[in-house]
């Protein structure tokens, strides 16, 4: 297992993480400061990946490229709803390429996912809330840009079964019931 963990006091950063494993279990807790945790250039080739990431401030996933058979990610923060929360994310994919950059407002850009089953729960305060999103797709291409209010633009989805419910009450919410 090759792993490169680079952490900075004010900005925890996972950079150039290249792992080739059969079973990987990574736990990242908020032992770091209030800075913006950043996963950058994460390249993982695995059969079974289990990652738990908890953060204080606004998480930034950048240039995440994962090629897996079974991926189980749990991101949790015990803070208030101010910070984005990924919880119980279960992805079974062949090729997953996600670029997420944030600065006060989460931004999903150039998200290209080829999956069989995707289950994502993301909760945030005044910035977008993805909850219980269950997508079974062949090719998913989503571009989301935001400025104060989340905006899905040029959303192209080719799916087998997609169930999406969007409600707004100051907080945009995408909720998909199984």
Protein backbone atom coordinates (compact mmCIF):
# COMPACT_ATOMS: atom_id res chain seq x y z
CA UNK A 1 0.00 0.00 0.00
CA UNK A 2 1.49 3.29 -1.06
CA UNK A 3 0.13 6.24 0.88
CA UNK A 4 1.25 9.85 1.03
CA UNK A 5 -0.38 11.85 3.80
CA UNK A 6 0.55 15.50 3.95
CA UNK A 7 -1.09 17.59 6.67
CA UNK A 8 -0.63 21.31 7.25
CA UNK A 9 -1.68 23.07 10.47
CA UNK A 10 -4.02 25.65 8.98
CA UNK A 11 -4.99 23.59 5.94
CA UNK A 12 -5.00 19.81 6.30
CA UNK A 13 -4.19 18.40 2.87
CA UNK A 14 -4.21 14.88 1.49
CA UNK A 15 -2.12 15.13 -1.65
CA UNK A 16 -1.10 12.62 -4.23
CA UNK A 17 -2.59 9.67 -2.40
CA UNK A 18 -2.04 6.61 -4.54
CA UNK A 19 -3.23 3.37 -3.05
CA UNK A 20 -3.48 -0.06 -4.62
CA UNK A 21 -5.17 -2.36 -2.13
CA UNK A 22 -7.75 -5.04 -1.60
CA UNK A 23 -9.18 -3.56 1.58
CA UNK A 24 -8.50 0.01 2.65
CA UNK A 25 -9.83 1.63 5.80
CA UNK A 26 -9.03 5.30 6.27
CA UNK A 27 -10.29 7.49 9.06
CA UNK A 28 -9.70 11.23 9.01
CA UNK A 29 -10.94 13.10 12.07
CA UNK A 30 -11.01 16.73 13.02
CA UNK A 31 -7.82 16.46 15.04
CA UNK A 32 -6.62 19.08 12.63
CA UNK A 33 -7.41 22.76 12.92
CA UNK A 34 -10.41 24.72 11.70
CA UNK A 35 -8.72 25.20 8.37
CA UNK A 36 -10.18 23.86 5.16
CA UNK A 37 -9.41 20.15 4.83
CA UNK A 38 -8.42 19.37 1.26
CA UNK A 39 -8.21 16.04 -0.51
CA UNK A 40 -6.19 16.66 -3.65
CA UNK A 41 -5.19 14.35 -6.42
CA UNK A 42 -6.50 11.28 -4.68
CA UNK A 43 -5.98 8.29 -6.93
CA UNK A 44 -7.11 4.96 -5.56
CA UNK A 45 -7.30 1.61 -7.28
CA UNK A 46 -9.07 -0.79 -4.95
CA UNK A 47 -11.48 -3.66 -4.64
CA UNK A 48 -12.99 -2.55 -1.36
CA UNK A 49 -12.51 0.96 -0.01
CA UNK A 50 -13.92 2.22 3.27
CA UNK A 51 -13.24 5.85 4.08
CA UNK A 52 -14.50 7.91 6.97
CA UNK A 53 -13.81 11.62 6.75
CA UNK A 54 -14.88 14.12 9.41
CA UNK A 55 -14.09 17.80 9.13
CA UNK A 56 -14.64 21.06 10.92
CA UNK A 57 -14.69 23.70 8.26
CA UNK A 58 -15.61 23.52 4.61
CA UNK A 59 -14.23 20.35 3.02
CA UNK A 60 -12.65 20.60 -0.42
CA UNK A 61 -12.34 17.53 -2.62
CA UNK A 62 -10.26 18.33 -5.67
CA UNK A 63 -9.23 16.17 -8.55
CA UNK A 64 -10.47 12.97 -6.97
CA UNK A 65 -10.02 10.06 -9.31
CA UNK A 66 -11.12 6.67 -8.06
CA UNK A 67 -11.27 3.40 -9.95
CA UNK A 68 -13.00 0.84 -7.77
CA UNK A 69 -15.33 -2.10 -7.66
CA UNK A 70 -16.91 -1.31 -4.33
CA UNK A 71 -16.55 2.03 -2.58
CA UNK A 72 -18.08 2.88 0.77
CA UNK A 73 -17.50 6.39 2.03
CA UNK A 74 -18.83 7.91 5.21
CA UNK A 75 -18.24 11.57 5.85
CA UNK A 76 -19.52 12.87 9.12
CA UNK A 77 -19.19 16.04 11.14
CA UNK A 78 -20.69 16.46 14.58
CA UNK A 79 -20.83 20.20 14.16
CA UNK A 80 -23.87 22.28 13.36
CA UNK A 81 -25.46 22.19 9.93
CA UNK A 82 -23.07 24.94 8.84
CA UNK A 83 -20.68 22.48 7.37
CA UNK A 84 -21.34 20.06 4.54
CA UNK A 85 -21.91 16.47 5.61
CA UNK A 86 -21.54 13.38 3.48
CA UNK A 87 -23.04 10.43 5.25
CA UNK A 88 -23.52 6.84 4.30
CA UNK A 89 -22.24 7.29 0.77
CA UNK A 90 -22.21 3.91 -0.92
CA UNK A 91 -20.87 3.77 -4.45
CA UNK A 92 -20.38 0.71 -6.59
CA UNK A 93 -18.53 1.91 -9.65
CA UNK A 94 -16.09 1.04 -12.35
CA UNK A 95 -14.72 4.50 -12.94
CA UNK A 96 -15.43 7.56 -10.81
CA UNK A 97 -14.02 10.98 -11.52
CA UNK A 98 -15.14 13.78 -9.24
CA UNK A 99 -13.92 17.33 -8.96
CA UNK A 100 -15.34 19.33 -6.08
CA UNK A 101 -14.09 22.74 -5.06
CA UNK A 102 -15.67 24.92 -2.38
CA UNK A 103 -15.28 28.35 -0.87
CA UNK A 104 -18.12 29.08 1.54
CA UNK A 105 -20.34 27.57 -1.12
CA UNK A 106 -19.92 24.01 -2.38
CA UNK A 107 -19.22 23.67 -6.12
CA UNK A 108 -19.45 20.47 -8.08
CA UNK A 109 -17.77 20.94 -11.43
CA UNK A 110 -17.12 18.49 -14.17
CA UNK A 111 -18.50 15.56 -12.23
CA UNK A 112 -18.44 12.47 -14.39
CA UNK A 113 -19.62 9.29 -12.76
CA UNK A 114 -20.05 5.88 -14.31
CA UNK A 115 -21.75 3.74 -11.71
CA UNK A 116 -24.09 0.88 -11.06
CA UNK A 117 -25.45 2.03 -7.73
CA UNK A 118 -24.83 5.40 -6.09
CA UNK A 119 -26.17 6.41 -2.71
CA UNK A 120 -25.16 9.84 -1.45
CA UNK A 121 -26.33 11.79 1.54
CA UNK A 122 -25.07 15.35 1.77
CA UNK A 123 -26.41 17.78 4.33
CA UNK A 124 -25.52 21.47 4.55
CA UNK A 125 -27.01 24.58 6.02
CA UNK A 126 -27.71 27.34 3.55
CA UNK A 127 -25.85 25.62 0.86
CA UNK A 128 -27.21 22.64 -1.03
CA UNK A 129 -28.44 19.54 0.70
CA UNK A 130 -28.28 16.18 -1.03
CA UNK A 131 -30.13 13.64 1.02
CA UNK A 132 -30.78 10.00 0.29
CA UNK A 133 -29.94 10.34 -3.38
CA UNK A 134 -30.08 6.95 -5.00
CA UNK A 135 -29.01 6.82 -8.63
CA UNK A 136 -28.55 3.79 -10.81
CA UNK A 137 -26.87 5.01 -13.95
CA UNK A 138 -24.60 4.12 -16.79
CA UNK A 139 -23.21 7.57 -17.42
CA UNK A 140 -23.76 10.65 -15.26
CA UNK A 141 -22.40 14.05 -16.15
CA UNK A 142 -23.25 16.87 -13.78
CA UNK A 143 -22.01 20.42 -13.62
CA UNK A 144 -23.07 22.42 -10.58
CA UNK A 145 -22.06 26.00 -9.97
CA UNK A 146 -23.34 28.17 -7.16
CA UNK A 147 -23.25 31.65 -5.73
CA UNK A 148 -25.41 31.94 -2.65
CA UNK A 149 -27.94 29.49 -4.00
CA UNK A 150 -27.06 26.14 -5.56
CA UNK A 151 -27.42 25.96 -9.32
CA UNK A 152 -27.47 22.83 -11.41
CA UNK A 153 -26.48 23.73 -14.94
CA UNK A 154 -26.02 21.57 -17.97
CA UNK A 155 -27.12 18.48 -16.10
CA UNK A 156 -26.96 15.50 -18.41
CA UNK A 157 -28.02 12.23 -16.88
CA UNK A 158 -28.37 8.88 -18.57
CA UNK A 159 -29.93 6.54 -16.04
CA UNK A 160 -31.83 3.35 -15.59
CA UNK A 161 -33.71 4.44 -12.50
CA UNK A 162 -33.52 7.96 -11.09
CA UNK A 163 -35.74 9.27 -8.33
CA UNK A 164 -35.23 12.88 -7.33
CA UNK A 165 -37.25 15.13 -5.08
CA UNK A 166 -36.23 18.76 -4.72
CA UNK A 167 -37.70 21.00 -2.07
CA UNK A 168 -36.65 24.53 -1.16
CA UNK A 169 -37.07 26.46 2.06
CA UNK A 170 -34.06 28.73 1.96
CA UNK A 171 -32.10 25.49 1.80
CA UNK A 172 -32.18 23.62 -1.51
CA UNK A 173 -32.75 19.94 -0.88
CA UNK A 174 -32.39 17.03 -3.24
CA UNK A 175 -33.97 14.06 -1.62
CA UNK A 176 -34.47 10.70 -3.21
CA UNK A 177 -36.41 8.02 -1.45
CA UNK A 178 -35.39 4.45 -2.09
